[in-house]
Amino acid sequence: MIIRRSGEDRGRADWGWLDSRHSFSFGEYYDPSHMGFRALRVINEDRVKPGHGFGTHPHRDMEILSYVLEGALAHRDSMGTGSVIRPGDVQRMSAGTGVLHSEMNPSSDEAVHFLQIWLLPDEQGIPPEYEQKHFPLDERRGRLRLVAGKGGREGALAIHQDVDLYSSVLGAGERVRMDLRPGRHAWVQVARGDVSVNGEALRQGDGAAVTNETGLDFEAAGGAEFLVFDLA
């Protein structure tokens, strides 16, 4: 079964410097029918204007991933980490016992467009951690590239939850298949373009909750970039 979550129906926060679309309840947006999916708690599609961003603020007991689509995002945290995240980079911060951080757009003329993802950890109270890796387009084009997963196998980021996160970029008419093990679930999030999943058409910004399927067949219409979460 595939249940589409229309991008047009997402929650929205518009603060002038920030335009954020919420797939699940977040901040002032509350919808009891969209509180998350399995261990996936937040998918926010954020656009931040030049020179603006999220000032220093706290988190704890959450796996936080940032996936940049356009522009650059400057990260600073209380662990002493300082980095800039660009397209192709994926950042993982395990908040654990508590961490302070900021995310800013360092550009004077270019907006940053990124996905912020939160996953509930499988264990609370772990020491905070930071990790960032680059996944070249060639590794994601025409295939599903594991970018984060339990234990960090295959060169992916290591997250503290039984979730595998894949990134894929398909050209027009390209196809890729993903098998699902018994008892597994999936969430598909379209970052750009249009893609069908087992015949269900999804557009940019759409998501889809997948249950009781043995596999997922993806086909891009005019090209697409999307994420797939394989969840317990």
C-alpha atoms as a PDB file:
ATOM      1  CA  MET A   1       0.000   0.000   0.000  1.00  0.00           C
ATOM      2  CA  ILE A   2       1.271   3.445  -0.954  1.00  0.00           C
ATOM      3  CA  ILE A   3      -0.277   6.566   0.593  1.00  0.00           C
ATOM      4  CA  ARG A   4       0.744   9.813  -1.090  1.00  0.00           C
ATOM      5  CA  ARG A   5       1.429  12.905   1.005  1.00  0.00           C
ATOM      6  CA  SER A   6       0.957  15.857  -1.358  1.00  0.00           C
ATOM      7  CA  GLY A   7       3.588  18.563  -1.183  1.00  0.00           C
ATOM      8  CA  GLU A   8       0.812  21.115  -1.539  1.00  0.00           C
ATOM      9  CA  ASP A   9      -0.808  19.888   1.663  1.00  0.00           C
ATOM     10  CA  ARG A  10       2.292  20.241   3.842  1.00  0.00           C
ATOM     11  CA  GLY A  11       2.460  22.717   6.684  1.00  0.00           C
ATOM     12  CA  ARG A  12       4.224  25.998   5.953  1.00  0.00           C
ATOM     13  CA  ALA A  13       6.196  28.569   7.920  1.00  0.00           C
ATOM     14  CA  ASP A  14       7.116  31.800   6.133  1.00  0.00           C
ATOM     15  CA  TRP A  15       9.286  34.113   8.233  1.00  0.00           C
ATOM     16  CA  GLY A  16      10.509  36.265   5.361  1.00  0.00           C
ATOM     17  CA  TRP A  17      14.080  35.003   5.571  1.00  0.00           C
ATOM     18  CA  LEU A  18      12.848  31.387   5.789  1.00  0.00           C
ATOM     19  CA  ASP A  19      10.293  29.495   3.702  1.00  0.00           C
ATOM     20  CA  SER A  20       9.805  26.057   5.268  1.00  0.00           C
ATOM     21  CA  ARG A  21       7.457  23.231   4.245  1.00  0.00           C
ATOM     22  CA  HIS A  22       6.700  20.554   6.839  1.00  0.00           C
ATOM     23  CA  SER A  23       5.785  16.997   5.822  1.00  0.00           C
ATOM     24  CA  PHE A  24       4.995  16.252   9.483  1.00  0.00           C
ATOM     25  CA  SER A  25       3.856  18.324  12.459  1.00  0.00           C
ATOM     26  CA  PHE A  26       6.573  20.799  13.417  1.00  0.00           C
ATOM     27  CA  GLY A  27       6.723  24.090  15.315  1.00  0.00           C
ATOM     28  CA  GLU A  28       3.421  25.940  15.003  1.00  0.00           C
ATOM     29  CA  TYR A  29       2.113  23.437  12.443  1.00  0.00           C
ATOM     30  CA  TYR A  30       0.195  20.619  14.122  1.00  0.00           C
ATOM     31  CA  ASP A  31      -1.733  17.877  12.381  1.00  0.00           C
ATOM     32  CA  PRO A  32      -2.459  14.778  14.493  1.00  0.00           C
ATOM     33  CA  SER A  33      -2.751  12.683  11.317  1.00  0.00           C
ATOM     34  CA  HIS A  34       0.801  13.619  10.289  1.00  0.00           C
ATOM     35  CA  MET A  35       3.064  13.205  13.325  1.00  0.00           C
ATOM     36  CA  GLY A  36       5.762  11.201  11.543  1.00  0.00           C
ATOM     37  CA  PHE A  37       6.178   7.760  10.034  1.00  0.00           C
ATOM     38  CA  ARG A  38       7.799   4.966  12.039  1.00  0.00           C
ATOM     39  CA  ALA A  39      11.117   6.399  13.353  1.00  0.00           C
ATOM     40  CA  LEU A  40      10.942   9.304  10.883  1.00  0.00           C
ATOM     41  CA  ARG A  41       9.776  12.385  12.767  1.00  0.00           C
ATOM     42  CA  VAL A  42      10.601  15.453  10.624  1.00  0.00           C
ATOM     43  CA  ILE A  43      11.142  16.288   6.964  1.00  0.00           C
ATOM     44  CA  ASN A  44      11.345  20.027   6.435  1.00  0.00           C
ATOM     45  CA  GLU A  45      12.096  21.525   3.038  1.00  0.00           C
ATOM     46  CA  ASP A  46      13.809  24.834   3.861  1.00  0.00           C
ATOM     47  CA  ARG A  47      14.798  27.808   1.727  1.00  0.00           C
ATOM     48  CA  VAL A  48      16.907  30.386   3.591  1.00  0.00           C
ATOM     49  CA  LYS A  49      17.730  33.810   2.175  1.00  0.00           C
ATOM     50  CA  PRO A  50      21.350  35.035   1.926  1.00  0.00           C
ATOM     51  CA  GLY A  51      22.936  36.055   5.224  1.00  0.00           C
ATOM     52  CA  HIS A  52      20.212  34.493   7.369  1.00  0.00           C
ATOM     53  CA  GLY A  53      19.719  31.236   9.218  1.00  0.00           C
ATOM     54  CA  PHE A  54      18.971  29.452  12.460  1.00  0.00           C
ATOM     55  CA  GLY A  55      20.822  30.989  15.403  1.00  0.00           C
ATOM     56  CA  THR A  56      22.304  28.913  18.194  1.00  0.00           C
ATOM     57  CA  HIS A  57      19.666  26.627  19.702  1.00  0.00           C
ATOM     58  CA  PRO A  58      19.588  23.291  21.602  1.00  0.00           C
ATOM     59  CA  HIS A  59      18.673  19.735  20.639  1.00  0.00           C
ATOM     60  CA  ARG A  60      18.812  16.417  22.448  1.00  0.00           C
ATOM     61  CA  ASP A  61      18.032  12.749  21.753  1.00  0.00           C
ATOM     62  CA  MET A  62      17.475  13.130  18.019  1.00  0.00           C
ATOM     63  CA  GLU A  63      19.287  12.031  14.850  1.00  0.00           C
ATOM     64  CA  ILE A  64      19.390  15.125  12.614  1.00  0.00           C
ATOM     65  CA  LEU A  65      20.340  14.937   8.924  1.00  0.00           C
ATOM     66  CA  SER A  66      20.799  17.827   6.501  1.00  0.00           C
ATOM     67  CA  TYR A  67      20.695  17.256   2.727  1.00  0.00           C
ATOM     68  CA  VAL A  68      21.622  20.313   0.649  1.00  0.00           C
ATOM     69  CA  LEU A  69      20.069  20.771  -2.796  1.00  0.00           C
ATOM     70  CA  GLU A  70      21.290  24.257  -3.717  1.00  0.00           C
ATOM     71  CA  GLY A  71      23.602  26.820  -2.141  1.00  0.00           C
ATOM     72  CA  ALA A  72      25.612  26.299   1.038  1.00  0.00           C
ATOM     73  CA  LEU A  73      24.856  25.855   4.745  1.00  0.00           C
ATOM     74  CA  ALA A  74      27.381  26.810   7.438  1.00  0.00           C
ATOM     75  CA  HIS A  75      27.244  24.650  10.572  1.00  0.00           C
ATOM     76  CA  ARG A  76      28.636  25.441  14.049  1.00  0.00           C
ATOM     77  CA  ASP A  77      28.066  23.466  17.243  1.00  0.00           C
ATOM     78  CA  SER A  78      29.077  23.124  20.887  1.00  0.00           C
ATOM     79  CA  MET A  79      31.210  20.071  20.039  1.00  0.00           C
ATOM     80  CA  GLY A  80      33.612  22.446  18.286  1.00  0.00           C
ATOM     81  CA  THR A  81      32.537  21.474  14.781  1.00  0.00           C
ATOM     82  CA  GLY A  82      32.595  24.071  12.031  1.00  0.00           C
ATOM     83  CA  SER A  83      31.789  23.103   8.441  1.00  0.00           C
ATOM     84  CA  VAL A  84      30.034  24.165   5.252  1.00  0.00           C
ATOM     85  CA  ILE A  85      27.572  21.766   3.609  1.00  0.00           C
ATOM     86  CA  ARG A  86      27.064  21.932  -0.169  1.00  0.00           C
ATOM     87  CA  PRO A  87      25.077  19.918  -2.745  1.00  0.00           C
ATOM     88  CA  GLY A  88      26.096  16.279  -2.588  1.00  0.00           C
ATOM     89  CA  ASP A  89      26.997  16.579   1.104  1.00  0.00           C
ATOM     90  CA  VAL A  90      24.974  14.908   3.833  1.00  0.00           C
ATOM     91  CA  GLN A  91      25.421  15.927   7.460  1.00  0.00           C
ATOM     92  CA  ARG A  92      24.515  13.850  10.517  1.00  0.00           C
ATOM     93  CA  MET A  93      24.341  15.241  14.029  1.00  0.00           C
ATOM     94  CA  SER A  94      23.388  12.931  16.882  1.00  0.00           C
ATOM     95  CA  ALA A  95      22.136  15.311  19.564  1.00  0.00           C
ATOM     96  CA  GLY A  96      22.255  12.682  22.328  1.00  0.00           C
ATOM     97  CA  THR A  97      22.651  14.164  25.806  1.00  0.00           C
ATOM     98  CA  GLY A  98      22.429  17.674  24.368  1.00  0.00           C
ATOM     99  CA  VAL A  99      24.098  19.947  21.849  1.00  0.00           C
ATOM    100  CA  LEU A 100      23.902  23.596  20.807  1.00  0.00           C
ATOM    101  CA  HIS A 101      24.228  24.435  17.120  1.00  0.00           C
ATOM    102  CA  SER A 102      23.531  27.006  14.429  1.00  0.00           C
ATOM    103  CA  GLU A 103      22.859  26.663  10.693  1.00  0.00           C
ATOM    104  CA  MET A 104      23.426  29.785   8.591  1.00  0.00           C
ATOM    105  CA  ASN A 105      23.456  30.728   4.925  1.00  0.00           C
ATOM    106  CA  PRO A 106      26.932  32.267   4.515  1.00  0.00           C
ATOM    107  CA  SER A 107      26.281  33.631   1.009  1.00  0.00           C
ATOM    108  CA  SER A 108      25.622  37.311   0.354  1.00  0.00           C
ATOM    109  CA  ASP A 109      23.622  36.665  -2.818  1.00  0.00           C
ATOM    110  CA  GLU A 110      22.484  33.019  -3.067  1.00  0.00           C
ATOM    111  CA  ALA A 111      19.685  31.276  -1.190  1.00  0.00           C
ATOM    112  CA  VAL A 112      20.234  27.831   0.317  1.00  0.00           C
ATOM    113  CA  HIS A 113      17.699  25.077  -0.326  1.00  0.00           C
ATOM    114  CA  PHE A 114      17.927  21.940   1.799  1.00  0.00           C
ATOM    115  CA  LEU A 115      16.040  19.148   3.509  1.00  0.00           C
ATOM    116  CA  GLN A 116      16.248  18.825   7.281  1.00  0.00           C
ATOM    117  CA  ILE A 117      15.421  15.349   8.554  1.00  0.00           C
ATOM    118  CA  TRP A 118      14.916  14.137  12.117  1.00  0.00           C
ATOM    119  CA  LEU A 119      14.881  10.503  13.180  1.00  0.00           C
ATOM    120  CA  LEU A 120      14.083   9.188  16.635  1.00  0.00           C
ATOM    121  CA  PRO A 121      17.195   7.375  17.955  1.00  0.00           C
ATOM    122  CA  ASP A 122      17.091   3.768  19.127  1.00  0.00           C
ATOM    123  CA  GLU A 123      18.871   4.789  22.329  1.00  0.00           C
ATOM    124  CA  GLN A 124      18.672   7.939  24.421  1.00  0.00           C
ATOM    125  CA  GLY A 125      21.467   9.672  26.308  1.00  0.00           C
ATOM    126  CA  ILE A 126      24.344   8.869  23.938  1.00  0.00           C
ATOM    127  CA  PRO A 127      27.279  11.307  23.640  1.00  0.00           C
ATOM    128  CA  PRO A 128      26.696  13.919  20.902  1.00  0.00           C
ATOM    129  CA  GLU A 129      28.324  13.138  17.538  1.00  0.00           C
ATOM    130  CA  TYR A 130      28.890  14.904  14.215  1.00  0.00           C
ATOM    131  CA  GLU A 131      29.611  13.438  10.779  1.00  0.00           C
ATOM    132  CA  GLN A 132      29.591  14.791   7.231  1.00  0.00           C
ATOM    133  CA  LYS A 133      30.266  13.053   3.917  1.00  0.00           C
ATOM    134  CA  HIS A 134      30.131  13.901   0.224  1.00  0.00           C
ATOM    135  CA  PHE A 135      28.280  11.619  -2.185  1.00  0.00           C
ATOM    136  CA  PRO A 136      29.179  12.546  -5.784  1.00  0.00           C
ATOM    137  CA  LEU A 137      26.433  12.719  -8.374  1.00  0.00           C
ATOM    138  CA  ASP A 138      27.977   9.819 -10.277  1.00  0.00           C
ATOM    139  CA  GLU A 139      27.402   7.585  -7.228  1.00  0.00           C
ATOM    140  CA  ARG A 140      23.706   8.502  -7.103  1.00  0.00           C
ATOM    141  CA  ARG A 141      22.846   8.754 -10.800  1.00  0.00           C
ATOM    142  CA  GLY A 142      20.746   5.858 -12.069  1.00  0.00           C
ATOM    143  CA  ARG A 143      20.911   3.946  -8.786  1.00  0.00           C
ATOM    144  CA  LEU A 144      19.996   4.037  -5.115  1.00  0.00           C
ATOM    145  CA  ARG A 145      23.036   5.121  -3.101  1.00  0.00           C
ATOM    146  CA  LEU A 146      23.038   4.405   0.636  1.00  0.00           C
ATOM    147  CA  VAL A 147      23.923   7.707   2.333  1.00  0.00           C
ATOM    148  CA  ALA A 148      23.030   6.897   5.966  1.00  0.00           C
ATOM    149  CA  GLY A 149      22.311   3.714   7.875  1.00  0.00           C
ATOM    150  CA  LYS A 150      22.755   1.707  11.031  1.00  0.00           C
ATOM    151  CA  GLY A 151      26.474   1.112  11.517  1.00  0.00           C
ATOM    152  CA  GLY A 152      27.493   3.240   8.541  1.00  0.00           C
ATOM    153  CA  ARG A 153      28.197   0.412   6.092  1.00  0.00           C
ATOM    154  CA  GLU A 154      29.175   0.992   2.455  1.00  0.00           C
ATOM    155  CA  GLY A 155      30.729   4.330   3.310  1.00  0.00           C
ATOM    156  CA  ALA A 156      27.435   5.831   4.506  1.00  0.00           C
ATOM    157  CA  LEU A 157      26.866   8.012   7.548  1.00  0.00           C
ATOM    158  CA  ALA A 158      26.289   6.003  10.737  1.00  0.00           C
ATOM    159  CA  ILE A 159      22.950   6.699  12.404  1.00  0.00           C
ATOM    160  CA  HIS A 160      21.626   5.364  15.695  1.00  0.00           C
ATOM    161  CA  GLN A 161      18.441   3.800  14.359  1.00  0.00           C
ATOM    162  CA  ASP A 162      17.398   0.833  12.201  1.00  0.00           C
ATOM    163  CA  VAL A 163      16.891   3.010   9.123  1.00  0.00           C
ATOM    164  CA  ASP A 164      18.623   2.969   5.738  1.00  0.00           C
ATOM    165  CA  LEU A 165      18.464   6.225   3.780  1.00  0.00           C
ATOM    166  CA  TYR A 166      19.084   6.152   0.035  1.00  0.00           C
ATOM    167  CA  SER A 167      19.525   8.986  -2.469  1.00  0.00           C
ATOM    168  CA  SER A 168      18.880   8.621  -6.184  1.00  0.00           C
ATOM    169  CA  VAL A 169      19.035  10.857  -9.259  1.00  0.00           C
ATOM    170  CA  LEU A 170      17.266   9.502 -12.340  1.00  0.00           C
ATOM    171  CA  GLY A 171      17.238  10.898 -15.850  1.00  0.00           C
ATOM    172  CA  ALA A 172      14.139  10.992 -18.038  1.00  0.00           C
ATOM    173  CA  GLY A 173      12.768   7.480 -18.468  1.00  0.00           C
ATOM    174  CA  GLU A 174      15.325   5.869 -16.149  1.00  0.00           C
ATOM    175  CA  ARG A 175      14.221   3.169 -13.738  1.00  0.00           C
ATOM    176  CA  VAL A 176      15.532   1.643 -10.525  1.00  0.00           C
ATOM    177  CA  ARG A 177      14.134  -0.994  -8.172  1.00  0.00           C
ATOM    178  CA  MET A 178      14.429  -1.460  -4.433  1.00  0.00           C
ATOM    179  CA  ASP A 179      13.443  -4.698  -2.694  1.00  0.00           C
ATOM    180  CA  LEU A 180      11.879  -4.502   0.762  1.00  0.00           C
ATOM    181  CA  ARG A 181      12.408  -7.229   3.319  1.00  0.00           C
ATOM    182  CA  PRO A 182       9.356  -8.681   5.094  1.00  0.00           C
ATOM    183  CA  GLY A 183       8.124  -6.402   7.852  1.00  0.00           C
ATOM    184  CA  ARG A 184       9.920  -3.325   6.499  1.00  0.00           C
ATOM    185  CA  HIS A 185       8.314  -0.025   5.583  1.00  0.00           C
ATOM    186  CA  ALA A 186       9.440   2.873   3.423  1.00  0.00           C
ATOM    187  CA  TRP A 187       9.012   6.592   3.020  1.00  0.00           C
ATOM    188  CA  VAL A 188       9.754   8.261  -0.329  1.00  0.00           C
ATOM    189  CA  GLN A 189      10.462  12.010  -0.513  1.00  0.00           C
ATOM    190  CA  VAL A 190      10.777  13.749  -3.880  1.00  0.00           C
ATOM    191  CA  ALA A 191      13.340  16.543  -3.730  1.00  0.00           C
ATOM    192  CA  ARG A 192      13.182  17.557  -7.399  1.00  0.00           C
ATOM    193  CA  GLY A 193      11.314  16.498 -10.522  1.00  0.00           C
ATOM    194  CA  ASP A 194       8.673  13.794 -10.924  1.00  0.00           C
ATOM    195  CA  VAL A 195       8.933  10.073 -10.259  1.00  0.00           C
ATOM    196  CA  SER A 196       6.450   7.211 -10.112  1.00  0.00           C
ATOM    197  CA  VAL A 197       6.584   4.547  -7.383  1.00  0.00           C
ATOM    198  CA  ASN A 198       4.852   1.297  -8.310  1.00  0.00           C
ATOM    199  CA  GLY A 199       2.783   3.365 -10.728  1.00  0.00           C
ATOM    200  CA  GLU A 200       1.904   6.076  -8.164  1.00  0.00           C
ATOM    201  CA  ALA A 201       2.912   9.470  -9.583  1.00  0.00           C
ATOM    202  CA  LEU A 202       4.813  11.755  -7.217  1.00  0.00           C
ATOM    203  CA  ARG A 203       5.824  15.353  -7.863  1.00  0.00           C
ATOM    204  CA  GLN A 204       8.432  17.613  -6.322  1.00  0.00           C
ATOM    205  CA  GLY A 205       7.677  18.026  -2.619  1.00  0.00           C
ATOM    206  CA  ASP A 206       5.454  14.951  -2.436  1.00  0.00           C
ATOM    207  CA  GLY A 207       6.098  12.121  -0.021  1.00  0.00           C
ATOM    208  CA  ALA A 208       4.687   8.619   0.211  1.00  0.00           C
ATOM    209  CA  ALA A 209       4.250   6.132   3.044  1.00  0.00           C
ATOM    210  CA  VAL A 210       4.795   2.529   1.939  1.00  0.00           C
ATOM    211  CA  THR A 211       3.570  -0.558   3.815  1.00  0.00           C
ATOM    212  CA  ASN A 212       2.992  -4.192   2.835  1.00  0.00           C
ATOM    213  CA  GLU A 213       5.005  -3.966  -0.393  1.00  0.00           C
ATOM    214  CA  THR A 214       7.737  -6.418  -1.411  1.00  0.00           C
ATOM    215  CA  GLY A 215       9.553  -3.858  -3.509  1.00  0.00           C
ATOM    216  CA  LEU A 216       9.509  -0.413  -5.054  1.00  0.00           C
ATOM    217  CA  ASP A 217       9.844   0.282  -8.772  1.00  0.00           C
ATOM    218  CA  PHE A 218      10.825   3.874  -9.541  1.00  0.00           C
ATOM    219  CA  GLU A 219      10.568   5.533 -12.946  1.00  0.00           C
ATOM    220  CA  ALA A 220      11.388   9.179 -13.638  1.00  0.00           C
ATOM    221  CA  ALA A 221       9.296  11.091 -16.133  1.00  0.00           C
ATOM    222  CA  GLY A 222      11.501  14.065 -16.973  1.00  0.00           C
ATOM    223  CA  GLY A 223      14.206  13.463 -14.352  1.00  0.00           C
ATOM    224  CA  ALA A 224      14.059  13.346 -10.567  1.00  0.00           C
ATOM    225  CA  GLU A 225      16.063  13.446  -7.333  1.00  0.00           C
ATOM    226  CA  PHE A 226      14.526  11.646  -4.375  1.00  0.00           C
ATOM    227  CA  LEU A 227      15.199  10.032  -1.029  1.00  0.00           C
ATOM    228  CA  VAL A 228      14.030   6.615   0.163  1.00  0.00           C
ATOM    229  CA  PHE A 229      13.883   5.644   3.851  1.00  0.00           C
ATOM    230  CA  ASP A 230      13.880   1.884   4.556  1.00  0.00           C
ATOM    231  CA  LEU A 231      12.371   1.662   8.051  1.00  0.00           C
ATOM    232  CA  ALA A 232      11.706  -1.014  10.648  1.00  0.00           C
END
